[in-house]
Amino acid sequence: MDDQTRIELEAAAFRTLRDHLMTQRPDVQNIDLMNLAGFCRNCLSRWYQEAANARGIEMTKDEGRAAFYGMPYDDWRAQHQTEADADKKAAFDKAFADNVGKS
């Protein structure tokens, strides 16, 4: 397989993952994704932002989130996010440290 085809397939898989998380399963909370998988929608938006920045495209955290979520992040939170209980928050702190807090 040539590089261009591989890139196109990877991009299609990313778009499918994004659509699945945003359209088909908006009920799945970011905290649950992070606790179970070690990443969430915010991670995906950060990776998008970091990829843009690495290519010389200036993009802020908020711009990366808006690009991924298809709306301002605060709007997404208001529409889809629920309050997490203490156990989920404690598990998140560990998952975040293990997966995002690494240098």
PDB file of N, CA and C in Angstrom:
ATOM      1  N   MET A   1       0.844  -1.170   0.000  1.00  0.00           N
ATOM      2  CA  MET A   1       0.000   0.000   0.000  1.00  0.00           C
ATOM      3  C   MET A   1       0.895   1.241   0.000  1.00  0.00           C
ATOM      4  N   ASP A   2       0.549   2.205  -0.818  1.00  0.00           N
ATOM      5  CA  ASP A   2       1.349   3.426  -0.870  1.00  0.00           C
ATOM      6  C   ASP A   2       0.981   4.348   0.298  1.00  0.00           C
ATOM      7  N   ASP A   3       1.871   5.303   0.594  1.00  0.00           N
ATOM      8  CA  ASP A   3       1.691   6.192   1.749  1.00  0.00           C
ATOM      9  C   ASP A   3       0.414   7.015   1.662  1.00  0.00           C
ATOM     10  N   GLN A   4       0.079   7.521   0.502  1.00  0.00           N
ATOM     11  CA  GLN A   4      -1.119   8.351   0.360  1.00  0.00           C
ATOM     12  C   GLN A   4      -2.374   7.548   0.682  1.00  0.00           C
ATOM     13  N   THR A   5      -2.448   6.325   0.206  1.00  0.00           N
ATOM     14  CA  THR A   5      -3.602   5.478   0.502  1.00  0.00           C
ATOM     15  C   THR A   5      -3.683   5.190   1.997  1.00  0.00           C
ATOM     16  N   ARG A   6      -2.538   4.899   2.609  1.00  0.00           N
ATOM     17  CA  ARG A   6      -2.512   4.651   4.055  1.00  0.00           C
ATOM     18  C   ARG A   6      -3.014   5.865   4.821  1.00  0.00           C
ATOM     19  N   ILE A   7      -2.553   7.057   4.443  1.00  0.00           N
ATOM     20  CA  ILE A   7      -2.981   8.295   5.097  1.00  0.00           C
ATOM     21  C   ILE A   7      -4.488   8.482   4.940  1.00  0.00           C
ATOM     22  N   GLU A   8      -5.007   8.234   3.760  1.00  0.00           N
ATOM     23  CA  GLU A   8      -6.445   8.383   3.516  1.00  0.00           C
ATOM     24  C   GLU A   8      -7.262   7.393   4.343  1.00  0.00           C
ATOM     25  N   LEU A   9      -6.768   6.160   4.460  1.00  0.00           N
ATOM     26  CA  LEU A   9      -7.462   5.161   5.273  1.00  0.00           C
ATOM     27  C   LEU A   9      -7.426   5.539   6.755  1.00  0.00           C
ATOM     28  N   GLU A  10      -6.274   6.013   7.218  1.00  0.00           N
ATOM     29  CA  GLU A  10      -6.166   6.444   8.612  1.00  0.00           C
ATOM     30  C   GLU A  10      -7.104   7.620   8.886  1.00  0.00           C
ATOM     31  N   ALA A  11      -7.179   8.560   7.961  1.00  0.00           N
ATOM     32  CA  ALA A  11      -8.072   9.709   8.125  1.00  0.00           C
ATOM     33  C   ALA A  11      -9.537   9.260   8.143  1.00  0.00           C
ATOM     34  N   ALA A  12      -9.879   8.305   7.288  1.00  0.00           N
ATOM     35  CA  ALA A  12     -11.253   7.788   7.267  1.00  0.00           C
ATOM     36  C   ALA A  12     -11.584   7.087   8.584  1.00  0.00           C
ATOM     37  N   ALA A  13     -10.641   6.337   9.121  1.00  0.00           N
ATOM     38  CA  ALA A  13     -10.864   5.666  10.404  1.00  0.00           C
ATOM     39  C   ALA A  13     -11.043   6.695  11.517  1.00  0.00           C
ATOM     40  N   PHE A  14     -10.247   7.755  11.516  1.00  0.00           N
ATOM     41  CA  PHE A  14     -10.388   8.815  12.508  1.00  0.00           C
ATOM     42  C   PHE A  14     -11.764   9.470  12.413  1.00  0.00           C
ATOM     43  N   ARG A  15     -12.203   9.783  11.186  1.00  0.00           N
ATOM     44  CA  ARG A  15     -13.519  10.408  11.019  1.00  0.00           C
ATOM     45  C   ARG A  15     -14.630   9.486  11.494  1.00  0.00           C
ATOM     46  N   THR A  16     -14.485   8.194  11.266  1.00  0.00           N
ATOM     47  CA  THR A  16     -15.479   7.224  11.731  1.00  0.00           C
ATOM     48  C   THR A  16     -15.504   7.162  13.256  1.00  0.00           C
ATOM     49  N   LEU A  17     -14.330   7.170  13.882  1.00  0.00           N
ATOM     50  CA  LEU A  17     -14.258   7.180  15.347  1.00  0.00           C
ATOM     51  C   LEU A  17     -14.903   8.448  15.894  1.00  0.00           C
ATOM     52  N   ARG A  18     -14.572   9.580  15.309  1.00  0.00           N
ATOM     53  CA  ARG A  18     -15.154  10.843  15.760  1.00  0.00           C
ATOM     54  C   ARG A  18     -16.677  10.807  15.616  1.00  0.00           C
ATOM     55  N   ASP A  19     -17.171  10.366  14.481  1.00  0.00           N
ATOM     56  CA  ASP A  19     -18.617  10.288  14.261  1.00  0.00           C
ATOM     57  C   ASP A  19     -19.270   9.346  15.270  1.00  0.00           C
ATOM     58  N   HIS A  20     -18.629   8.229  15.521  1.00  0.00           N
ATOM     59  CA  HIS A  20     -19.182   7.269  16.484  1.00  0.00           C
ATOM     60  C   HIS A  20     -19.311   7.914  17.867  1.00  0.00           C
ATOM     61  N   LEU A  21     -18.262   8.595  18.318  1.00  0.00           N
ATOM     62  CA  LEU A  21     -18.287   9.203  19.644  1.00  0.00           C
ATOM     63  C   LEU A  21     -19.213  10.413  19.724  1.00  0.00           C
ATOM     64  N   MET A  22     -19.337  11.154  18.647  1.00  0.00           N
ATOM     65  CA  MET A  22     -20.109  12.392  18.681  1.00  0.00           C
ATOM     66  C   MET A  22     -21.572  12.196  18.314  1.00  0.00           C
ATOM     67  N   THR A  23     -21.852  11.292  17.388  1.00  0.00           N
ATOM     68  CA  THR A  23     -23.212  11.140  16.867  1.00  0.00           C
ATOM     69  C   THR A  23     -23.898   9.899  17.398  1.00  0.00           C
ATOM     70  N   GLN A  24     -23.198   8.777  17.328  1.00  0.00           N
ATOM     71  CA  GLN A  24     -23.828   7.521  17.706  1.00  0.00           C
ATOM     72  C   GLN A  24     -23.796   7.276  19.210  1.00  0.00           C
ATOM     73  N   ARG A  25     -22.762   7.760  19.904  1.00  0.00           N
ATOM     74  CA  ARG A  25     -22.625   7.507  21.343  1.00  0.00           C
ATOM     75  C   ARG A  25     -22.271   8.756  22.153  1.00  0.00           C
ATOM     76  N   PRO A  26     -23.018   9.842  21.976  1.00  0.00           N
ATOM     77  CA  PRO A  26     -22.730  11.022  22.791  1.00  0.00           C
ATOM     78  C   PRO A  26     -23.038  10.781  24.273  1.00  0.00           C
ATOM     79  N   ASP A  27     -23.768   9.710  24.550  1.00  0.00           N
ATOM     80  CA  ASP A  27     -24.110   9.365  25.933  1.00  0.00           C
ATOM     81  C   ASP A  27     -22.911   8.843  26.720  1.00  0.00           C
ATOM     82  N   VAL A  28     -21.902   8.341  26.026  1.00  0.00           N
ATOM     83  CA  VAL A  28     -20.708   7.836  26.703  1.00  0.00           C
ATOM     84  C   VAL A  28     -19.923   9.044  27.197  1.00  0.00           C
ATOM     85  N   GLN A  29     -19.728   9.109  28.489  1.00  0.00           N
ATOM     86  CA  GLN A  29     -19.068  10.246  29.108  1.00  0.00           C
ATOM     87  C   GLN A  29     -17.556  10.198  28.897  1.00  0.00           C
ATOM     88  N   ASN A  30     -16.954  11.367  28.746  1.00  0.00           N
ATOM     89  CA  ASN A  30     -15.496  11.449  28.613  1.00  0.00           C
ATOM     90  C   ASN A  30     -14.789  10.782  29.783  1.00  0.00           C
ATOM     91  N   ILE A  31     -15.311  10.970  30.976  1.00  0.00           N
ATOM     92  CA  ILE A  31     -14.653  10.395  32.152  1.00  0.00           C
ATOM     93  C   ILE A  31     -14.648   8.868  32.075  1.00  0.00           C
ATOM     94  N   ASP A  32     -15.718   8.286  31.544  1.00  0.00           N
ATOM     95  CA  ASP A  32     -15.766   6.828  31.388  1.00  0.00           C
ATOM     96  C   ASP A  32     -14.771   6.356  30.334  1.00  0.00           C
ATOM     97  N   LEU A  33     -14.664   7.099  29.236  1.00  0.00           N
ATOM     98  CA  LEU A  33     -13.670   6.763  28.212  1.00  0.00           C
ATOM     99  C   LEU A  33     -12.264   6.819  28.796  1.00  0.00           C
ATOM    100  N   MET A  34     -11.965   7.882  29.518  1.00  0.00           N
ATOM    101  CA  MET A  34     -10.627   8.023  30.091  1.00  0.00           C
ATOM    102  C   MET A  34     -10.349   6.916  31.099  1.00  0.00           C
ATOM    103  N   ASN A  35     -11.323   6.621  31.939  1.00  0.00           N
ATOM    104  CA  ASN A  35     -11.113   5.608  32.971  1.00  0.00           C
ATOM    105  C   ASN A  35     -10.928   4.211  32.383  1.00  0.00           C
ATOM    106  N   LEU A  36     -11.607   3.922  31.292  1.00  0.00           N
ATOM    107  CA  LEU A  36     -11.527   2.590  30.692  1.00  0.00           C
ATOM    108  C   LEU A  36     -10.438   2.461  29.627  1.00  0.00           C
ATOM    109  N   ALA A  37     -10.272   3.512  28.826  1.00  0.00           N
ATOM    110  CA  ALA A  37      -9.380   3.403  27.670  1.00  0.00           C
ATOM    111  C   ALA A  37      -8.123   4.257  27.773  1.00  0.00           C
ATOM    112  N   GLY A  38      -8.100   5.188  28.709  1.00  0.00           N
ATOM    113  CA  GLY A  38      -6.929   6.039  28.835  1.00  0.00           C
ATOM    114  C   GLY A  38      -6.909   7.214  27.881  1.00  0.00           C
ATOM    115  N   PHE A  39      -8.009   7.454  27.192  1.00  0.00           N
ATOM    116  CA  PHE A  39      -8.152   8.631  26.334  1.00  0.00           C
ATOM    117  C   PHE A  39      -9.631   8.955  26.218  1.00  0.00           C
ATOM    118  N   CYS A  40      -9.919  10.194  25.796  1.00  0.00           N
ATOM    119  CA  CYS A  40     -11.310  10.614  25.625  1.00  0.00           C
ATOM    120  C   CYS A  40     -11.397  11.588  24.456  1.00  0.00           C
ATOM    121  N   ARG A  41     -12.548  12.177  24.277  1.00  0.00           N
ATOM    122  CA  ARG A  41     -12.728  13.142  23.195  1.00  0.00           C
ATOM    123  C   ARG A  41     -11.758  14.312  23.329  1.00  0.00           C
ATOM    124  N   ASN A  42     -11.519  14.750  24.575  1.00  0.00           N
ATOM    125  CA  ASN A  42     -10.586  15.864  24.767  1.00  0.00           C
ATOM    126  C   ASN A  42      -9.177  15.486  24.328  1.00  0.00           C
ATOM    127  N   CYS A  43      -8.780  14.244  24.582  1.00  0.00           N
ATOM    128  CA  CYS A  43      -7.471  13.785  24.112  1.00  0.00           C
ATOM    129  C   CYS A  43      -7.418  13.841  22.586  1.00  0.00           C
ATOM    130  N   LEU A  44      -8.457  13.360  21.939  1.00  0.00           N
ATOM    131  CA  LEU A  44      -8.482  13.380  20.479  1.00  0.00           C
ATOM    132  C   LEU A  44      -8.407  14.809  19.958  1.00  0.00           C
ATOM    133  N   SER A  45      -9.112  15.731  20.607  1.00  0.00           N
ATOM    134  CA  SER A  45      -9.045  17.126  20.163  1.00  0.00           C
ATOM    135  C   SER A  45      -7.658  17.713  20.410  1.00  0.00           C
ATOM    136  N   ARG A  46      -7.010  17.307  21.507  1.00  0.00           N
ATOM    137  CA  ARG A  46      -5.650  17.780  21.799  1.00  0.00           C
ATOM    138  C   ARG A  46      -4.673  17.225  20.771  1.00  0.00           C
ATOM    139  N   TRP A  47      -4.811  15.951  20.424  1.00  0.00           N
ATOM    140  CA  TRP A  47      -3.927  15.356  19.416  1.00  0.00           C
ATOM    141  C   TRP A  47      -4.107  16.052  18.067  1.00  0.00           C
ATOM    142  N   TYR A  48      -5.336  16.428  17.746  1.00  0.00           N
ATOM    143  CA  TYR A  48      -5.629  17.171  16.520  1.00  0.00           C
ATOM    144  C   TYR A  48      -4.906  18.519  16.553  1.00  0.00           C
ATOM    145  N   GLN A  49      -5.038  19.227  17.682  1.00  0.00           N
ATOM    146  CA  GLN A  49      -4.379  20.520  17.854  1.00  0.00           C
ATOM    147  C   GLN A  49      -2.867  20.363  17.755  1.00  0.00           C
ATOM    148  N   GLU A  50      -2.309  19.367  18.428  1.00  0.00           N
ATOM    149  CA  GLU A  50      -0.864  19.154  18.404  1.00  0.00           C
ATOM    150  C   GLU A  50      -0.372  18.834  17.001  1.00  0.00           C
ATOM    151  N   ALA A  51      -1.135  18.069  16.236  1.00  0.00           N
ATOM    152  CA  ALA A  51      -0.760  17.758  14.857  1.00  0.00           C
ATOM    153  C   ALA A  51      -0.757  19.028  14.010  1.00  0.00           C
ATOM    154  N   ALA A  52      -1.743  19.889  14.222  1.00  0.00           N
ATOM    155  CA  ALA A  52      -1.790  21.160  13.492  1.00  0.00           C
ATOM    156  C   ALA A  52      -0.580  22.017  13.860  1.00  0.00           C
ATOM    157  N   ASN A  53      -0.328  22.153  15.154  1.00  0.00           N
ATOM    158  CA  ASN A  53       0.808  22.965  15.607  1.00  0.00           C
ATOM    159  C   ASN A  53       2.129  22.435  15.069  1.00  0.00           C
ATOM    160  N   ALA A  54       2.283  21.112  15.025  1.00  0.00           N
ATOM    161  CA  ALA A  54       3.516  20.500  14.524  1.00  0.00           C
ATOM    162  C   ALA A  54       3.741  20.810  13.049  1.00  0.00           C
ATOM    163  N   ARG A  55       2.671  21.131  12.358  1.00  0.00           N
ATOM    164  CA  ARG A  55       2.772  21.455  10.931  1.00  0.00           C
ATOM    165  C   ARG A  55       2.763  22.960  10.684  1.00  0.00           C
ATOM    166  N   GLY A  56       2.948  23.726  11.769  1.00  0.00           N
ATOM    167  CA  GLY A  56       3.014  25.173  11.626  1.00  0.00           C
ATOM    168  C   GLY A  56       1.664  25.856  11.546  1.00  0.00           C
ATOM    169  N   ILE A  57       0.603  25.144  11.833  1.00  0.00           N
ATOM    170  CA  ILE A  57      -0.741  25.725  11.835  1.00  0.00           C
ATOM    171  C   ILE A  57      -1.064  26.112  13.276  1.00  0.00           C
ATOM    172  N   GLU A  58      -1.222  27.402  13.514  1.00  0.00           N
ATOM    173  CA  GLU A  58      -1.528  27.847  14.865  1.00  0.00           C
ATOM    174  C   GLU A  58      -2.952  27.451  15.219  1.00  0.00           C
ATOM    175  N   MET A  59      -3.094  26.739  16.322  1.00  0.00           N
ATOM    176  CA  MET A  59      -4.407  26.313  16.782  1.00  0.00           C
ATOM    177  C   MET A  59      -4.360  26.252  18.305  1.00  0.00           C
ATOM    178  N   THR A  60      -5.298  26.927  18.941  1.00  0.00           N
ATOM    179  CA  THR A  60      -5.376  26.898  20.393  1.00  0.00           C
ATOM    180  C   THR A  60      -6.123  25.646  20.857  1.00  0.00           C
ATOM    181  N   LYS A  61      -6.058  25.411  22.150  1.00  0.00           N
ATOM    182  CA  LYS A  61      -6.790  24.287  22.743  1.00  0.00           C
ATOM    183  C   LYS A  61      -8.282  24.417  22.434  1.00  0.00           C
ATOM    184  N   ASP A  62      -8.835  25.617  22.608  1.00  0.00           N
ATOM    185  CA  ASP A  62     -10.262  25.820  22.344  1.00  0.00           C
ATOM    186  C   ASP A  62     -10.599  25.616  20.865  1.00  0.00           C
ATOM    187  N   GLU A  63      -9.714  26.048  19.978  1.00  0.00           N
ATOM    188  CA  GLU A  63      -9.941  25.848  18.543  1.00  0.00           C
ATOM    189  C   GLU A  63      -9.874  24.364  18.183  1.00  0.00           C
ATOM    190  N   GLY A  64      -8.936  23.638  18.793  1.00  0.00           N
ATOM    191  CA  GLY A  64      -8.852  22.202  18.557  1.00  0.00           C
ATOM    192  C   GLY A  64     -10.107  21.485  19.037  1.00  0.00           C
ATOM    193  N   ARG A  65     -10.586  21.872  20.208  1.00  0.00           N
ATOM    194  CA  ARG A  65     -11.810  21.261  20.728  1.00  0.00           C
ATOM    195  C   ARG A  65     -13.002  21.573  19.826  1.00  0.00           C
ATOM    196  N   ALA A  66     -13.128  22.819  19.394  1.00  0.00           N
ATOM    197  CA  ALA A  66     -14.247  23.186  18.522  1.00  0.00           C
ATOM    198  C   ALA A  66     -14.180  22.417  17.203  1.00  0.00           C
ATOM    199  N   ALA A  67     -12.972  22.216  16.685  1.00  0.00           N
ATOM    200  CA  ALA A  67     -12.821  21.458  15.440  1.00  0.00           C
ATOM    201  C   ALA A  67     -13.258  20.013  15.638  1.00  0.00           C
ATOM    202  N   PHE A  68     -12.893  19.421  16.768  1.00  0.00           N
ATOM    203  CA  PHE A  68     -13.258  18.032  17.017  1.00  0.00           C
ATOM    204  C   PHE A  68     -14.734  17.887  17.386  1.00  0.00           C
ATOM    205  N   TYR A  69     -15.200  18.711  18.316  1.00  0.00           N
ATOM    206  CA  TYR A  69     -16.579  18.597  18.799  1.00  0.00           C
ATOM    207  C   TYR A  69     -17.605  19.138  17.813  1.00  0.00           C
ATOM    208  N   GLY A  70     -17.167  19.975  16.882  1.00  0.00           N
ATOM    209  CA  GLY A  70     -18.110  20.566  15.932  1.00  0.00           C
ATOM    210  C   GLY A  70     -18.924  21.692  16.545  1.00  0.00           C
ATOM    211  N   MET A  71     -18.493  22.162  17.703  1.00  0.00           N
ATOM    212  CA  MET A  71     -19.154  23.245  18.428  1.00  0.00           C
ATOM    213  C   MET A  71     -18.225  23.658  19.559  1.00  0.00           C
ATOM    214  N   PRO A  72     -18.493  24.797  20.178  1.00  0.00           N
ATOM    215  CA  PRO A  72     -17.686  25.142  21.352  1.00  0.00           C
ATOM    216  C   PRO A  72     -17.820  24.058  22.423  1.00  0.00           C
ATOM    217  N   TYR A  73     -16.722  23.769  23.111  1.00  0.00           N
ATOM    218  CA  TYR A  73     -16.697  22.702  24.110  1.00  0.00           C
ATOM    219  C   TYR A  73     -17.737  22.928  25.206  1.00  0.00           C
ATOM    220  N   ASP A  74     -17.901  24.166  25.651  1.00  0.00           N
ATOM    221  CA  ASP A  74     -18.893  24.434  26.697  1.00  0.00           C
ATOM    222  C   ASP A  74     -20.303  24.061  26.245  1.00  0.00           C
ATOM    223  N   ASP A  75     -20.608  24.235  24.969  1.00  0.00           N
ATOM    224  CA  ASP A  75     -21.919  23.833  24.441  1.00  0.00           C
ATOM    225  C   ASP A  75     -22.073  22.314  24.508  1.00  0.00           C
ATOM    226  N   TRP A  76     -21.014  21.587  24.121  1.00  0.00           N
ATOM    227  CA  TRP A  76     -21.052  20.117  24.196  1.00  0.00           C
ATOM    228  C   TRP A  76     -21.305  19.675  25.635  1.00  0.00           C
ATOM    229  N   ARG A  77     -20.548  20.252  26.545  1.00  0.00           N
ATOM    230  CA  ARG A  77     -20.691  19.884  27.954  1.00  0.00           C
ATOM    231  C   ARG A  77     -22.112  20.123  28.440  1.00  0.00           C
ATOM    232  N   ALA A  78     -22.683  21.262  28.090  1.00  0.00           N
ATOM    233  CA  ALA A  78     -24.037  21.579  28.530  1.00  0.00           C
ATOM    234  C   ALA A  78     -25.066  20.599  27.961  1.00  0.00           C
ATOM    235  N   GLN A  79     -24.839  20.146  26.749  1.00  0.00           N
ATOM    236  CA  GLN A  79     -25.793  19.254  26.083  1.00  0.00           C
ATOM    237  C   GLN A  79     -25.629  17.788  26.463  1.00  0.00           C
ATOM    238  N   HIS A  80     -24.400  17.353  26.793  1.00  0.00           N
ATOM    239  CA  HIS A  80     -24.146  15.916  26.912  1.00  0.00           C
ATOM    240  C   HIS A  80     -23.486  15.443  28.197  1.00  0.00           C
ATOM    241  N   GLN A  81     -22.794  16.315  28.894  1.00  0.00           N
ATOM    242  CA  GLN A  81     -22.012  15.842  30.029  1.00  0.00           C
ATOM    243  C   GLN A  81     -22.842  15.830  31.310  1.00  0.00           C
ATOM    244  N   THR A  82     -22.667  14.773  32.089  1.00  0.00           N
ATOM    245  CA  THR A  82     -23.336  14.656  33.383  1.00  0.00           C
ATOM    246  C   THR A  82     -22.287  14.706  34.488  1.00  0.00           C
ATOM    247  N   GLU A  83     -22.730  14.969  35.700  1.00  0.00           N
ATOM    248  CA  GLU A  83     -21.813  15.032  36.843  1.00  0.00           C
ATOM    249  C   GLU A  83     -21.340  13.627  37.198  1.00  0.00           C
ATOM    250  N   ALA A  84     -20.050  13.497  37.427  1.00  0.00           N
ATOM    251  CA  ALA A  84     -19.465  12.208  37.792  1.00  0.00           C
ATOM    252  C   ALA A  84     -19.460  12.062  39.313  1.00  0.00           C
ATOM    253  N   ASP A  85     -19.593  10.817  39.763  1.00  0.00           N
ATOM    254  CA  ASP A  85     -19.537  10.568  41.205  1.00  0.00           C
ATOM    255  C   ASP A  85     -18.081  10.544  41.671  1.00  0.00           C
ATOM    256  N   ALA A  86     -17.900  10.474  42.989  1.00  0.00           N
ATOM    257  CA  ALA A  86     -16.557  10.546  43.577  1.00  0.00           C
ATOM    258  C   ALA A  86     -15.651   9.408  43.111  1.00  0.00           C
ATOM    259  N   ASP A  87     -16.201   8.201  42.962  1.00  0.00           N
ATOM    260  CA  ASP A  87     -15.390   7.071  42.513  1.00  0.00           C
ATOM    261  C   ASP A  87     -14.865   7.284  41.095  1.00  0.00           C
ATOM    262  N   LYS A  88     -15.724   7.788  40.203  1.00  0.00           N
ATOM    263  CA  LYS A  88     -15.294   8.053  38.824  1.00  0.00           C
ATOM    264  C   LYS A  88     -14.238   9.155  38.791  1.00  0.00           C
ATOM    265  N   LYS A  89     -14.424  10.172  39.636  1.00  0.00           N
ATOM    266  CA  LYS A  89     -13.449  11.263  39.676  1.00  0.00           C
ATOM    267  C   LYS A  89     -12.097  10.769  40.169  1.00  0.00           C
ATOM    268  N   ALA A  90     -12.085   9.906  41.171  1.00  0.00           N
ATOM    269  CA  ALA A  90     -10.828   9.353  41.682  1.00  0.00           C
ATOM    270  C   ALA A  90     -10.154   8.483  40.625  1.00  0.00           C
ATOM    271  N   ALA A  91     -10.934   7.663  39.917  1.00  0.00           N
ATOM    272  CA  ALA A  91     -10.378   6.829  38.851  1.00  0.00           C
ATOM    273  C   ALA A  91      -9.838   7.704  37.724  1.00  0.00           C
ATOM    274  N   PHE A  92     -10.526   8.810  37.450  1.00  0.00           N
ATOM    275  CA  PHE A  92     -10.070   9.729  36.411  1.00  0.00           C
ATOM    276  C   PHE A  92      -8.721  10.341  36.783  1.00  0.00           C
ATOM    277  N   ASP A  93      -8.572  10.773  38.031  1.00  0.00           N
ATOM    278  CA  ASP A  93      -7.306  11.375  38.455  1.00  0.00           C
ATOM    279  C   ASP A  93      -6.146  10.425  38.181  1.00  0.00           C
ATOM    280  N   LYS A  94      -6.334   9.143  38.467  1.00  0.00           N
ATOM    281  CA  LYS A  94      -5.294   8.150  38.215  1.00  0.00           C
ATOM    282  C   LYS A  94      -5.086   7.956  36.716  1.00  0.00           C
ATOM    283  N   ALA A  95      -6.186   7.782  35.972  1.00  0.00           N
ATOM    284  CA  ALA A  95      -6.077   7.565  34.524  1.00  0.00           C
ATOM    285  C   ALA A  95      -5.417   8.761  33.844  1.00  0.00           C
ATOM    286  N   PHE A  96      -5.781   9.964  34.278  1.00  0.00           N
ATOM    287  CA  PHE A  96      -5.192  11.167  33.685  1.00  0.00           C
ATOM    288  C   PHE A  96      -3.692  11.217  33.960  1.00  0.00           C
ATOM    289  N   ALA A  97      -3.319  10.951  35.213  1.00  0.00           N
ATOM    290  CA  ALA A  97      -1.893  10.952  35.557  1.00  0.00           C
ATOM    291  C   ALA A  97      -1.129   9.900  34.772  1.00  0.00           C
ATOM    292  N   ASP A  98      -1.722   8.721  34.622  1.00  0.00           N
ATOM    293  CA  ASP A  98      -1.056   7.632  33.912  1.00  0.00           C
ATOM    294  C   ASP A  98      -0.952   7.879  32.417  1.00  0.00           C
ATOM    295  N   ASN A  99      -1.958   8.518  31.822  1.00  0.00           N
ATOM    296  CA  ASN A  99      -2.031   8.606  30.368  1.00  0.00           C
ATOM    297  C   ASN A  99      -1.754   9.984  29.785  1.00  0.00           C
ATOM    298  N   VAL A 100      -2.062  11.025  30.503  1.00  0.00           N
ATOM    299  CA  VAL A 100      -1.878  12.373  29.977  1.00  0.00           C
ATOM    300  C   VAL A 100      -0.761  13.091  30.723  1.00  0.00           C
ATOM    301  N   GLY A 101      -0.633  12.819  31.997  1.00  0.00           N
ATOM    302  CA  GLY A 101       0.345  13.510  32.808  1.00  0.00           C
ATOM    303  C   GLY A 101       1.781  13.100  32.548  1.00  0.00           C
ATOM    304  N   LYS A 102       1.982  12.083  31.714  1.00  0.00           N
ATOM    305  CA  LYS A 102       3.340  11.637  31.374  1.00  0.00           C
ATOM    306  C   LYS A 102       4.056  12.710  30.561  1.00  0.00           C
ATOM    307  N   SER A 103       5.334  12.806  30.766  1.00  0.00           N
ATOM    308  CA  SER A 103       6.115  13.762  29.963  1.00  0.00           C
ATOM    309  C   SER A 103       6.854  13.034  28.875  1.00  0.00           C
TER     310      SER A 103
END
